[in-house]
């Protein structure tokens, strides 16, 4: 917090600002770019997918549905990310998921 406030002081000089308002804006921006919820949901979908793979029942449609949900979460992570490293991982996940989806289409 101190480093951020000091940097902001350097940028604004002596113009002054409302520190509480500044912190609210920072919190809002951080929540906008947070991908924690998407990661939790993606992990849940992966766990459900893995459990279905062990099933002896027909699971093709459910696996397809879960792969669509995983794709949505991955896309949201990519949309929110401002880091190149995360975007590279998103591309890799999308590629892997597309391969999985091709396999799922062959399962009853």
PDB file of N, CA and C in Angstrom:
ATOM      1  N   UNK A   1       0.836  -1.191   0.000  1.00  0.00           N
ATOM      2  CA  UNK A   1       0.000   0.000   0.000  1.00  0.00           C
ATOM      3  C   UNK A   1       0.877   1.250   0.000  1.00  0.00           C
ATOM      4  N   UNK A   2       1.890   1.269   0.872  1.00  0.00           N
ATOM      5  CA  UNK A   2       2.769   2.440   0.966  1.00  0.00           C
ATOM      6  C   UNK A   2       3.486   2.704  -0.351  1.00  0.00           C
ATOM      7  N   UNK A   3       4.018   1.643  -0.958  1.00  0.00           N
ATOM      8  CA  UNK A   3       4.721   1.818  -2.232  1.00  0.00           C
ATOM      9  C   UNK A   3       3.795   2.385  -3.296  1.00  0.00           C
ATOM     10  N   UNK A   4       2.581   1.879  -3.330  1.00  0.00           N
ATOM     11  CA  UNK A   4       1.614   2.362  -4.304  1.00  0.00           C
ATOM     12  C   UNK A   4       1.262   3.820  -4.051  1.00  0.00           C
ATOM     13  N   UNK A   5       1.038   4.170  -2.797  1.00  0.00           N
ATOM     14  CA  UNK A   5       0.716   5.560  -2.460  1.00  0.00           C
ATOM     15  C   UNK A   5       1.887   6.487  -2.762  1.00  0.00           C
ATOM     16  N   UNK A   6       3.103   6.046  -2.471  1.00  0.00           N
ATOM     17  CA  UNK A   6       4.286   6.860  -2.779  1.00  0.00           C
ATOM     18  C   UNK A   6       4.421   7.077  -4.281  1.00  0.00           C
ATOM     19  N   UNK A   7       4.186   6.032  -5.042  1.00  0.00           N
ATOM     20  CA  UNK A   7       4.272   6.154  -6.503  1.00  0.00           C
ATOM     21  C   UNK A   7       3.193   7.104  -7.019  1.00  0.00           C
ATOM     22  N   UNK A   8       2.010   7.009  -6.449  1.00  0.00           N
ATOM     23  CA  UNK A   8       0.918   7.886  -6.844  1.00  0.00           C
ATOM     24  C   UNK A   8       1.259   9.332  -6.500  1.00  0.00           C
ATOM     25  N   UNK A   9       1.864   9.561  -5.338  1.00  0.00           N
ATOM     26  CA  UNK A   9       2.299  10.907  -4.954  1.00  0.00           C
ATOM     27  C   UNK A   9       3.303  11.461  -5.963  1.00  0.00           C
ATOM     28  N   UNK A  10       4.223  10.608  -6.409  1.00  0.00           N
ATOM     29  CA  UNK A  10       5.208  11.036  -7.400  1.00  0.00           C
ATOM     30  C   UNK A  10       4.524  11.471  -8.697  1.00  0.00           C
ATOM     31  N   UNK A  11       3.528  10.714  -9.099  1.00  0.00           N
ATOM     32  CA  UNK A  11       2.840  11.013 -10.356  1.00  0.00           C
ATOM     33  C   UNK A  11       1.996  12.275 -10.273  1.00  0.00           C
ATOM     34  N   UNK A  12       1.326  12.479  -9.149  1.00  0.00           N
ATOM     35  CA  UNK A  12       0.433  13.627  -9.008  1.00  0.00           C
ATOM     36  C   UNK A  12       1.119  14.880  -8.489  1.00  0.00           C
ATOM     37  N   UNK A  13       2.245  14.690  -7.852  1.00  0.00           N
ATOM     38  CA  UNK A  13       2.907  15.846  -7.255  1.00  0.00           C
ATOM     39  C   UNK A  13       2.111  16.367  -6.075  1.00  0.00           C
ATOM     40  N   UNK A  14       1.967  17.649  -5.973  1.00  0.00           N
ATOM     41  CA  UNK A  14       1.274  18.268  -4.840  1.00  0.00           C
ATOM     42  C   UNK A  14      -0.202  18.544  -5.116  1.00  0.00           C
ATOM     43  N   UNK A  15      -0.758  17.950  -6.115  1.00  0.00           N
ATOM     44  CA  UNK A  15      -2.149  18.222  -6.470  1.00  0.00           C
ATOM     45  C   UNK A  15      -3.131  17.705  -5.428  1.00  0.00           C
ATOM     46  N   UNK A  16      -2.734  16.701  -4.699  1.00  0.00           N
ATOM     47  CA  UNK A  16      -3.600  16.150  -3.660  1.00  0.00           C
ATOM     48  C   UNK A  16      -4.680  15.249  -4.228  1.00  0.00           C
ATOM     49  N   UNK A  17      -5.168  14.369  -3.395  1.00  0.00           N
ATOM     50  CA  UNK A  17      -6.217  13.432  -3.778  1.00  0.00           C
ATOM     51  C   UNK A  17      -6.804  12.845  -2.508  1.00  0.00           C
ATOM     52  N   UNK A  18      -7.963  12.262  -2.654  1.00  0.00           N
ATOM     53  CA  UNK A  18      -8.633  11.604  -1.538  1.00  0.00           C
ATOM     54  C   UNK A  18      -8.097  10.175  -1.444  1.00  0.00           C
ATOM     55  N   UNK A  19      -7.347   9.886  -0.393  1.00  0.00           N
ATOM     56  CA  UNK A  19      -6.715   8.575  -0.251  1.00  0.00           C
ATOM     57  C   UNK A  19      -7.756   7.456  -0.204  1.00  0.00           C
ATOM     58  N   UNK A  20      -8.857   7.675   0.490  1.00  0.00           N
ATOM     59  CA  UNK A  20      -9.895   6.639   0.557  1.00  0.00           C
ATOM     60  C   UNK A  20     -10.478   6.342  -0.823  1.00  0.00           C
ATOM     61  N   UNK A  21     -10.724   7.394  -1.575  1.00  0.00           N
ATOM     62  CA  UNK A  21     -11.261   7.211  -2.928  1.00  0.00           C
ATOM     63  C   UNK A  21     -10.255   6.461  -3.798  1.00  0.00           C
ATOM     64  N   UNK A  22      -8.987   6.831  -3.663  1.00  0.00           N
ATOM     65  CA  UNK A  22      -7.924   6.167  -4.409  1.00  0.00           C
ATOM     66  C   UNK A  22      -7.897   4.673  -4.083  1.00  0.00           C
ATOM     67  N   UNK A  23      -7.963   4.339  -2.798  1.00  0.00           N
ATOM     68  CA  UNK A  23      -7.923   2.937  -2.386  1.00  0.00           C
ATOM     69  C   UNK A  23      -9.159   2.178  -2.874  1.00  0.00           C
ATOM     70  N   UNK A  24     -10.302   2.842  -2.910  1.00  0.00           N
ATOM     71  CA  UNK A  24     -11.513   2.211  -3.444  1.00  0.00           C
ATOM     72  C   UNK A  24     -11.342   1.883  -4.926  1.00  0.00           C
ATOM     73  N   UNK A  25     -10.762   2.822  -5.653  1.00  0.00           N
ATOM     74  CA  UNK A  25     -10.539   2.600  -7.086  1.00  0.00           C
ATOM     75  C   UNK A  25      -9.563   1.450  -7.318  1.00  0.00           C
ATOM     76  N   UNK A  26      -8.501   1.399  -6.519  1.00  0.00           N
ATOM     77  CA  UNK A  26      -7.525   0.312  -6.641  1.00  0.00           C
ATOM     78  C   UNK A  26      -8.200  -1.022  -6.343  1.00  0.00           C
ATOM     79  N   UNK A  27      -8.999  -1.068  -5.278  1.00  0.00           N
ATOM     80  CA  UNK A  27      -9.700  -2.304  -4.922  1.00  0.00           C
ATOM     81  C   UNK A  27     -10.640  -2.738  -6.045  1.00  0.00           C
ATOM     82  N   UNK A  28     -11.328  -1.778  -6.650  1.00  0.00           N
ATOM     83  CA  UNK A  28     -12.239  -2.098  -7.742  1.00  0.00           C
ATOM     84  C   UNK A  28     -11.471  -2.665  -8.940  1.00  0.00           C
ATOM     85  N   UNK A  29     -10.344  -2.050  -9.267  1.00  0.00           N
ATOM     86  CA  UNK A  29      -9.542  -2.548 -10.382  1.00  0.00           C
ATOM     87  C   UNK A  29      -8.997  -3.943 -10.107  1.00  0.00           C
ATOM     88  N   UNK A  30      -8.536  -4.165  -8.878  1.00  0.00           N
ATOM     89  CA  UNK A  30      -8.008  -5.477  -8.532  1.00  0.00           C
ATOM     90  C   UNK A  30      -9.084  -6.547  -8.616  1.00  0.00           C
ATOM     91  N   UNK A  31     -10.288  -6.226  -8.164  1.00  0.00           N
ATOM     92  CA  UNK A  31     -11.368  -7.217  -8.235  1.00  0.00           C
ATOM     93  C   UNK A  31     -11.766  -7.476  -9.683  1.00  0.00           C
ATOM     94  N   UNK A  32     -11.674  -6.470 -10.524  1.00  0.00           N
ATOM     95  CA  UNK A  32     -12.007  -6.627 -11.942  1.00  0.00           C
ATOM     96  C   UNK A  32     -11.055  -7.605 -12.621  1.00  0.00           C
ATOM     97  N   UNK A  33      -9.787  -7.573 -12.238  1.00  0.00           N
ATOM     98  CA  UNK A  33      -8.786  -8.420 -12.866  1.00  0.00           C
ATOM     99  C   UNK A  33      -8.531  -9.720 -12.114  1.00  0.00           C
ATOM    100  N   UNK A  34      -9.205  -9.929 -11.006  1.00  0.00           N
ATOM    101  CA  UNK A  34      -9.020 -11.152 -10.234  1.00  0.00           C
ATOM    102  C   UNK A  34      -9.652 -12.331 -10.963  1.00  0.00           C
ATOM    103  N   UNK A  35      -8.914 -13.415 -11.042  1.00  0.00           N
ATOM    104  CA  UNK A  35      -9.425 -14.615 -11.699  1.00  0.00           C
ATOM    105  C   UNK A  35      -9.616 -15.761 -10.704  1.00  0.00           C
ATOM    106  N   UNK A  36      -9.604 -15.442  -9.421  1.00  0.00           N
ATOM    107  CA  UNK A  36      -9.729 -16.482  -8.398  1.00  0.00           C
ATOM    108  C   UNK A  36     -11.015 -17.286  -8.537  1.00  0.00           C
ATOM    109  N   UNK A  37     -12.137 -16.612  -8.737  1.00  0.00           N
ATOM    110  CA  UNK A  37     -13.416 -17.323  -8.857  1.00  0.00           C
ATOM    111  C   UNK A  37     -13.416 -18.256 -10.059  1.00  0.00           C
ATOM    112  N   UNK A  38     -12.865 -17.797 -11.162  1.00  0.00           N
ATOM    113  CA  UNK A  38     -12.822 -18.621 -12.366  1.00  0.00           C
ATOM    114  C   UNK A  38     -11.938 -19.845 -12.152  1.00  0.00           C
ATOM    115  N   UNK A  39     -10.836 -19.669 -11.446  1.00  0.00           N
ATOM    116  CA  UNK A  39      -9.939 -20.793 -11.175  1.00  0.00           C
ATOM    117  C   UNK A  39     -10.627 -21.816 -10.284  1.00  0.00           C
ATOM    118  N   UNK A  40     -11.358 -21.355  -9.278  1.00  0.00           N
ATOM    119  CA  UNK A  40     -12.089 -22.269  -8.394  1.00  0.00           C
ATOM    120  C   UNK A  40     -13.128 -23.051  -9.199  1.00  0.00           C
ATOM    121  N   UNK A  41     -13.888 -22.357 -10.041  1.00  0.00           N
ATOM    122  CA  UNK A  41     -14.904 -23.043 -10.850  1.00  0.00           C
ATOM    123  C   UNK A  41     -14.256 -24.006 -11.846  1.00  0.00           C
ATOM    124  N   UNK A  42     -13.151 -23.594 -12.459  1.00  0.00           N
ATOM    125  CA  UNK A  42     -12.455 -24.464 -13.402  1.00  0.00           C
ATOM    126  C   UNK A  42     -11.974 -25.733 -12.699  1.00  0.00           C
ATOM    127  N   UNK A  43     -11.412 -25.574 -11.519  1.00  0.00           N
ATOM    128  CA  UNK A  43     -10.946 -26.727 -10.739  1.00  0.00           C
ATOM    129  C   UNK A  43     -12.122 -27.667 -10.426  1.00  0.00           C
ATOM    130  N   UNK A  44     -13.270 -27.092 -10.063  1.00  0.00           N
ATOM    131  CA  UNK A  44     -14.452 -27.899  -9.766  1.00  0.00           C
ATOM    132  C   UNK A  44     -14.904 -28.670 -11.004  1.00  0.00           C
ATOM    133  N   UNK A  45     -14.909 -28.011 -12.155  1.00  0.00           N
ATOM    134  CA  UNK A  45     -15.293 -28.684 -13.401  1.00  0.00           C
ATOM    135  C   UNK A  45     -14.315 -29.813 -13.740  1.00  0.00           C
ATOM    136  N   UNK A  46     -13.037 -29.581 -13.530  1.00  0.00           N
ATOM    137  CA  UNK A  46     -12.028 -30.609 -13.816  1.00  0.00           C
ATOM    138  C   UNK A  46     -12.224 -31.812 -12.901  1.00  0.00           C
ATOM    139  N   UNK A  47     -12.503 -31.557 -11.625  1.00  0.00           N
ATOM    140  CA  UNK A  47     -12.745 -32.660 -10.684  1.00  0.00           C
ATOM    141  C   UNK A  47     -13.978 -33.465 -11.091  1.00  0.00           C
ATOM    142  N   UNK A  48     -15.053 -32.775 -11.468  1.00  0.00           N
ATOM    143  CA  UNK A  48     -16.271 -33.466 -11.904  1.00  0.00           C
ATOM    144  C   UNK A  48     -16.004 -34.266 -13.180  1.00  0.00           C
ATOM    145  N   UNK A  49     -15.239 -33.690 -14.080  1.00  0.00           N
ATOM    146  CA  UNK A  49     -14.878 -34.353 -15.334  1.00  0.00           C
ATOM    147  C   UNK A  49     -14.115 -35.643 -15.042  1.00  0.00           C
ATOM    148  N   UNK A  50     -13.143 -35.556 -14.141  1.00  0.00           N
ATOM    149  CA  UNK A  50     -12.329 -36.715 -13.771  1.00  0.00           C
ATOM    150  C   UNK A  50     -13.189 -37.811 -13.147  1.00  0.00           C
ATOM    151  N   UNK A  51     -14.124 -37.430 -12.293  1.00  0.00           N
ATOM    152  CA  UNK A  51     -15.022 -38.410 -11.680  1.00  0.00           C
ATOM    153  C   UNK A  51     -15.882 -39.100 -12.735  1.00  0.00           C
ATOM    154  N   UNK A  52     -16.367 -38.337 -13.704  1.00  0.00           N
ATOM    155  CA  UNK A  52     -17.185 -38.931 -14.762  1.00  0.00           C
ATOM    156  C   UNK A  52     -16.394 -39.928 -15.602  1.00  0.00           C
ATOM    157  N   UNK A  53     -15.124 -39.674 -15.789  1.00  0.00           N
ATOM    158  CA  UNK A  53     -14.299 -40.590 -16.580  1.00  0.00           C
ATOM    159  C   UNK A  53     -14.237 -41.974 -15.947  1.00  0.00           C
ATOM    160  N   UNK A  54     -14.369 -42.032 -14.635  1.00  0.00           N
ATOM    161  CA  UNK A  54     -14.318 -43.309 -13.925  1.00  0.00           C
ATOM    162  C   UNK A  54     -15.673 -44.018 -13.904  1.00  0.00           C
ATOM    163  N   UNK A  55     -16.697 -43.363 -14.395  1.00  0.00           N
ATOM    164  CA  UNK A  55     -18.050 -43.913 -14.357  1.00  0.00           C
ATOM    165  C   UNK A  55     -18.232 -45.016 -15.397  1.00  0.00           C
ATOM    166  N   UNK A  56     -19.114 -45.950 -15.072  1.00  0.00           N
ATOM    167  CA  UNK A  56     -19.453 -47.006 -16.025  1.00  0.00           C
ATOM    168  C   UNK A  56     -20.721 -46.660 -16.807  1.00  0.00           C
ATOM    169  N   UNK A  57     -21.354 -45.562 -16.456  1.00  0.00           N
ATOM    170  CA  UNK A  57     -22.570 -45.091 -17.124  1.00  0.00           C
ATOM    171  C   UNK A  57     -22.199 -44.296 -18.384  1.00  0.00           C
ATOM    172  N   UNK A  58     -23.150 -44.116 -19.308  1.00  0.00           N
ATOM    173  CA  UNK A  58     -22.905 -43.232 -20.457  1.00  0.00           C
ATOM    174  C   UNK A  58     -22.701 -41.788 -19.974  1.00  0.00           C
ATOM    175  N   UNK A  59     -21.594 -41.190 -20.347  1.00  0.00           N
ATOM    176  CA  UNK A  59     -21.256 -39.861 -19.813  1.00  0.00           C
ATOM    177  C   UNK A  59     -20.874 -38.855 -20.892  1.00  0.00           C
ATOM    178  N   UNK A  60     -20.998 -39.233 -22.147  1.00  0.00           N
ATOM    179  CA  UNK A  60     -20.532 -38.372 -23.234  1.00  0.00           C
ATOM    180  C   UNK A  60     -21.103 -36.969 -23.205  1.00  0.00           C
ATOM    181  N   UNK A  61     -22.425 -36.858 -23.054  1.00  0.00           N
ATOM    182  CA  UNK A  61     -23.052 -35.532 -23.064  1.00  0.00           C
ATOM    183  C   UNK A  61     -22.638 -34.707 -21.853  1.00  0.00           C
ATOM    184  N   UNK A  62     -22.524 -35.360 -20.704  1.00  0.00           N
ATOM    185  CA  UNK A  62     -22.110 -34.619 -19.504  1.00  0.00           C
ATOM    186  C   UNK A  62     -20.660 -34.164 -19.622  1.00  0.00           C
ATOM    187  N   UNK A  63     -19.800 -35.011 -20.198  1.00  0.00           N
ATOM    188  CA  UNK A  63     -18.411 -34.605 -20.414  1.00  0.00           C
ATOM    189  C   UNK A  63     -18.339 -33.436 -21.392  1.00  0.00           C
ATOM    190  N   UNK A  64     -19.172 -33.486 -22.421  1.00  0.00           N
ATOM    191  CA  UNK A  64     -19.206 -32.386 -23.387  1.00  0.00           C
ATOM    192  C   UNK A  64     -19.657 -31.096 -22.707  1.00  0.00           C
ATOM    193  N   UNK A  65     -20.695 -31.199 -21.887  1.00  0.00           N
ATOM    194  CA  UNK A  65     -21.183 -30.025 -21.163  1.00  0.00           C
ATOM    195  C   UNK A  65     -20.091 -29.458 -20.251  1.00  0.00           C
ATOM    196  N   UNK A  66     -19.418 -30.331 -19.489  1.00  0.00           N
ATOM    197  CA  UNK A  66     -18.350 -29.857 -18.600  1.00  0.00           C
ATOM    198  C   UNK A  66     -17.204 -29.235 -19.389  1.00  0.00           C
ATOM    199  N   UNK A  67     -16.890 -29.793 -20.541  1.00  0.00           N
ATOM    200  CA  UNK A  67     -15.808 -29.203 -21.343  1.00  0.00           C
ATOM    201  C   UNK A  67     -16.210 -27.819 -21.845  1.00  0.00           C
ATOM    202  N   UNK A  68     -17.496 -27.620 -22.143  1.00  0.00           N
ATOM    203  CA  UNK A  68     -17.971 -26.286 -22.523  1.00  0.00           C
ATOM    204  C   UNK A  68     -17.836 -25.313 -21.353  1.00  0.00           C
ATOM    205  N   UNK A  69     -18.177 -25.778 -20.163  1.00  0.00           N
ATOM    206  CA  UNK A  69     -18.052 -24.930 -18.975  1.00  0.00           C
ATOM    207  C   UNK A  69     -16.587 -24.581 -18.705  1.00  0.00           C
ATOM    208  N   UNK A  70     -15.702 -25.560 -18.873  1.00  0.00           N
ATOM    209  CA  UNK A  70     -14.275 -25.291 -18.695  1.00  0.00           C
ATOM    210  C   UNK A  70     -13.806 -24.252 -19.708  1.00  0.00           C
ATOM    211  N   UNK A  71     -14.292 -24.371 -20.936  1.00  0.00           N
ATOM    212  CA  UNK A  71     -13.928 -23.408 -21.974  1.00  0.00           C
ATOM    213  C   UNK A  71     -14.370 -21.997 -21.594  1.00  0.00           C
ATOM    214  N   UNK A  72     -15.568 -21.872 -21.041  1.00  0.00           N
ATOM    215  CA  UNK A  72     -16.054 -20.551 -20.614  1.00  0.00           C
ATOM    216  C   UNK A  72     -15.153 -19.952 -19.536  1.00  0.00           C
ATOM    217  N   UNK A  73     -14.782 -20.772 -18.562  1.00  0.00           N
ATOM    218  CA  UNK A  73     -13.920 -20.272 -17.482  1.00  0.00           C
ATOM    219  C   UNK A  73     -12.554 -19.863 -18.026  1.00  0.00           C
ATOM    220  N   UNK A  74     -12.001 -20.676 -18.913  1.00  0.00           N
ATOM    221  CA  UNK A  74     -10.696 -20.358 -19.504  1.00  0.00           C
ATOM    222  C   UNK A  74     -10.779 -19.061 -20.302  1.00  0.00           C
ATOM    223  N   UNK A  75     -11.849 -18.888 -21.069  1.00  0.00           N
ATOM    224  CA  UNK A  75     -12.024 -17.650 -21.836  1.00  0.00           C
ATOM    225  C   UNK A  75     -12.136 -16.438 -20.923  1.00  0.00           C
ATOM    226  N   UNK A  76     -12.848 -16.586 -19.818  1.00  0.00           N
ATOM    227  CA  UNK A  76     -12.987 -15.471 -18.875  1.00  0.00           C
ATOM    228  C   UNK A  76     -11.643 -15.122 -18.256  1.00  0.00           C
ATOM    229  N   UNK A  77     -10.866 -16.133 -17.905  1.00  0.00           N
ATOM    230  CA  UNK A  77      -9.524 -15.882 -17.365  1.00  0.00           C
ATOM    231  C   UNK A  77      -8.708 -15.099 -18.388  1.00  0.00           C
ATOM    232  N   UNK A  78      -8.772 -15.518 -19.644  1.00  0.00           N
ATOM    233  CA  UNK A  78      -8.045 -14.816 -20.701  1.00  0.00           C
ATOM    234  C   UNK A  78      -8.508 -13.384 -20.880  1.00  0.00           C
ATOM    235  N   UNK A  79      -9.806 -13.162 -20.763  1.00  0.00           N
ATOM    236  CA  UNK A  79     -10.356 -11.811 -20.921  1.00  0.00           C
ATOM    237  C   UNK A  79      -9.926 -10.882 -19.797  1.00  0.00           C
ATOM    238  N   UNK A  80      -9.840 -11.420 -18.591  1.00  0.00           N
ATOM    239  CA  UNK A  80      -9.499 -10.593 -17.437  1.00  0.00           C
ATOM    240  C   UNK A  80      -7.998 -10.361 -17.296  1.00  0.00           C
ATOM    241  N   UNK A  81      -7.213 -11.245 -17.856  1.00  0.00           N
ATOM    242  CA  UNK A  81      -5.771 -11.205 -17.628  1.00  0.00           C
ATOM    243  C   UNK A  81      -5.100 -10.042 -18.348  1.00  0.00           C
ATOM    244  N   UNK A  82      -4.157  -9.431 -17.647  1.00  0.00           N
ATOM    245  CA  UNK A  82      -3.327  -8.395 -18.256  1.00  0.00           C
ATOM    246  C   UNK A  82      -1.858  -8.834 -18.286  1.00  0.00           C
ATOM    247  N   UNK A  83      -1.615 -10.081 -17.862  1.00  0.00           N
ATOM    248  CA  UNK A  83      -0.255 -10.608 -17.822  1.00  0.00           C
ATOM    249  C   UNK A  83      -0.008 -11.543 -18.998  1.00  0.00           C
ATOM    250  N   UNK A  84       1.091 -11.355 -19.682  1.00  0.00           N
ATOM    251  CA  UNK A  84       1.439 -12.173 -20.838  1.00  0.00           C
ATOM    252  C   UNK A  84       1.551 -13.641 -20.448  1.00  0.00           C
ATOM    253  N   UNK A  85       2.142 -13.916 -19.291  1.00  0.00           N
ATOM    254  CA  UNK A  85       2.338 -15.294 -18.852  1.00  0.00           C
ATOM    255  C   UNK A  85       1.006 -16.019 -18.697  1.00  0.00           C
ATOM    256  N   UNK A  86       0.032 -15.342 -18.139  1.00  0.00           N
ATOM    257  CA  UNK A  86      -1.288 -15.955 -17.971  1.00  0.00           C
ATOM    258  C   UNK A  86      -1.931 -16.165 -19.332  1.00  0.00           C
ATOM    259  N   UNK A  87      -1.812 -15.192 -20.203  1.00  0.00           N
ATOM    260  CA  UNK A  87      -2.389 -15.333 -21.544  1.00  0.00           C
ATOM    261  C   UNK A  87      -1.766 -16.502 -22.303  1.00  0.00           C
ATOM    262  N   UNK A  88      -0.478 -16.728 -22.115  1.00  0.00           N
ATOM    263  CA  UNK A  88       0.173 -17.872 -22.749  1.00  0.00           C
ATOM    264  C   UNK A  88      -0.387 -19.180 -22.196  1.00  0.00           C
ATOM    265  N   UNK A  89      -0.614 -19.217 -20.895  1.00  0.00           N
ATOM    266  CA  UNK A  89      -1.205 -20.409 -20.284  1.00  0.00           C
ATOM    267  C   UNK A  89      -2.630 -20.631 -20.777  1.00  0.00           C
ATOM    268  N   UNK A  90      -3.365 -19.550 -20.960  1.00  0.00           N
ATOM    269  CA  UNK A  90      -4.738 -19.651 -21.465  1.00  0.00           C
ATOM    270  C   UNK A  90      -4.729 -20.282 -22.856  1.00  0.00           C
ATOM    271  N   UNK A  91      -3.836 -19.851 -23.716  1.00  0.00           N
ATOM    272  CA  UNK A  91      -3.744 -20.424 -25.066  1.00  0.00           C
ATOM    273  C   UNK A  91      -3.430 -21.914 -24.978  1.00  0.00           C
ATOM    274  N   UNK A  92      -2.516 -22.276 -24.105  1.00  0.00           N
ATOM    275  CA  UNK A  92      -2.163 -23.682 -23.925  1.00  0.00           C
ATOM    276  C   UNK A  92      -3.351 -24.494 -23.401  1.00  0.00           C
ATOM    277  N   UNK A  93      -4.080 -23.941 -22.434  1.00  0.00           N
ATOM    278  CA  UNK A  93      -5.250 -24.636 -21.894  1.00  0.00           C
ATOM    279  C   UNK A  93      -6.320 -24.804 -22.965  1.00  0.00           C
ATOM    280  N   UNK A  94      -6.525 -23.775 -23.770  1.00  0.00           N
ATOM    281  CA  UNK A  94      -7.539 -23.855 -24.826  1.00  0.00           C
ATOM    282  C   UNK A  94      -7.170 -24.931 -25.848  1.00  0.00           C
ATOM    283  N   UNK A  95      -5.895 -25.019 -26.177  1.00  0.00           N
ATOM    284  CA  UNK A  95      -5.432 -26.034 -27.111  1.00  0.00           C
ATOM    285  C   UNK A  95      -5.659 -27.432 -26.536  1.00  0.00           C
ATOM    286  N   UNK A  96      -5.277 -27.621 -25.285  1.00  0.00           N
ATOM    287  CA  UNK A  96      -5.473 -28.921 -24.632  1.00  0.00           C
ATOM    288  C   UNK A  96      -6.948 -29.264 -24.524  1.00  0.00           C
ATOM    289  N   UNK A  97      -7.751 -28.291 -24.159  1.00  0.00           N
ATOM    290  CA  UNK A  97      -9.184 -28.533 -24.015  1.00  0.00           C
ATOM    291  C   UNK A  97      -9.818 -28.879 -25.358  1.00  0.00           C
ATOM    292  N   UNK A  98      -9.369 -28.259 -26.425  1.00  0.00           N
ATOM    293  CA  UNK A  98      -9.912 -28.593 -27.746  1.00  0.00           C
ATOM    294  C   UNK A  98      -9.609 -30.049 -28.094  1.00  0.00           C
ATOM    295  N   UNK A  99      -8.416 -30.512 -27.756  1.00  0.00           N
ATOM    296  CA  UNK A  99      -8.075 -31.923 -27.972  1.00  0.00           C
ATOM    297  C   UNK A  99      -8.979 -32.833 -27.147  1.00  0.00           C
ATOM    298  N   UNK A 100      -9.240 -32.436 -25.915  1.00  0.00           N
ATOM    299  CA  UNK A 100     -10.130 -33.209 -25.042  1.00  0.00           C
ATOM    300  C   UNK A 100     -11.537 -33.238 -25.629  1.00  0.00           C
ATOM    301  N   UNK A 101     -12.009 -32.104 -26.094  1.00  0.00           N
ATOM    302  CA  UNK A 101     -13.367 -32.029 -26.649  1.00  0.00           C
ATOM    303  C   UNK A 101     -13.513 -32.924 -27.883  1.00  0.00           C
ATOM    304  N   UNK A 102     -12.470 -33.021 -28.679  1.00  0.00           N
ATOM    305  CA  UNK A 102     -12.513 -33.921 -29.835  1.00  0.00           C
ATOM    306  C   UNK A 102     -12.679 -35.366 -29.381  1.00  0.00           C
ATOM    307  N   UNK A 103     -11.975 -35.731 -28.311  1.00  0.00           N
ATOM    308  CA  UNK A 103     -12.087 -37.088 -27.774  1.00  0.00           C
ATOM    309  C   UNK A 103     -13.458 -37.332 -27.153  1.00  0.00           C
ATOM    310  N   UNK A 104     -13.976 -36.336 -26.463  1.00  0.00           N
ATOM    311  CA  UNK A 104     -15.273 -36.460 -25.795  1.00  0.00           C
ATOM    312  C   UNK A 104     -16.379 -36.700 -26.816  1.00  0.00           C
ATOM    313  N   UNK A 105     -16.264 -36.114 -27.977  1.00  0.00           N
ATOM    314  CA  UNK A 105     -17.298 -36.286 -29.012  1.00  0.00           C
ATOM    315  C   UNK A 105     -17.431 -37.742 -29.460  1.00  0.00           C
ATOM    316  N   UNK A 106     -16.405 -38.545 -29.184  1.00  0.00           N
ATOM    317  CA  UNK A 106     -16.432 -39.961 -29.558  1.00  0.00           C
ATOM    318  C   UNK A 106     -16.933 -40.865 -28.438  1.00  0.00           C
ATOM    319  N   UNK A 107     -17.274 -40.279 -27.297  1.00  0.00           N
ATOM    320  CA  UNK A 107     -17.732 -41.059 -26.142  1.00  0.00           C
ATOM    321  C   UNK A 107     -19.251 -41.007 -26.084  1.00  0.00           C
ATOM    322  N   UNK A 108     -19.857 -42.140 -25.759  1.00  0.00           N
ATOM    323  CA  UNK A 108     -21.324 -42.166 -25.612  1.00  0.00           C
ATOM    324  C   UNK A 108     -21.741 -41.617 -24.276  1.00  0.00           C
TER     325      UNK A 108
END
